[in-house]
């Protein structure tokens, strides 16, 4: 029996930058953006990206050993981060160059600090500040910090709109 071809499903309003690679069982919701040189590889399980989420430059998201990756609505995944077979709740900020390993669950309205290493199967409640190597819960986020996550995601939605409309061009344009 021939296997079904794994193919991405990208909403028409999503922004996929030049050089981004989206392969396999990947679902990207409306208003989201996958930026330059990001890689999303859904070969071992589904990767889903919620509405209004931005996957910034050079991020790698992939499934692992049959476990997909689920990134919620309104998330910001910072430059150079790696997410492997993990579940990221809504309105989470994943800091630059952080690594989130298989089986991890990050509760909504949280921040994973830049350069954090979140090791296998760790679970964090909503509104967590997570940092360190290995990463640990530091404290609960304030309302202002949660709101900053919302604002960061909204800024990237607007930036993606400007790129898509041609307001921001590159040398090749």
Foldseek 3Di string as FASTA:
>chain_A
DDDDWFAEAEDPQEAEEPQEAEDGQEYEDHLEYEEHNEYEEEPQHYEYAEHLEYHYHQEYEYEDNNAHEYAYHLEYADAQEYEYREYEYHLEYEEHNEYHYHQEYEAHLEYEYHPEYDDHNHYDYHQFDWYDVPIDTDDGHDPVSSVVSNVVSVVVSVVSVCVVVVVDDDPVD
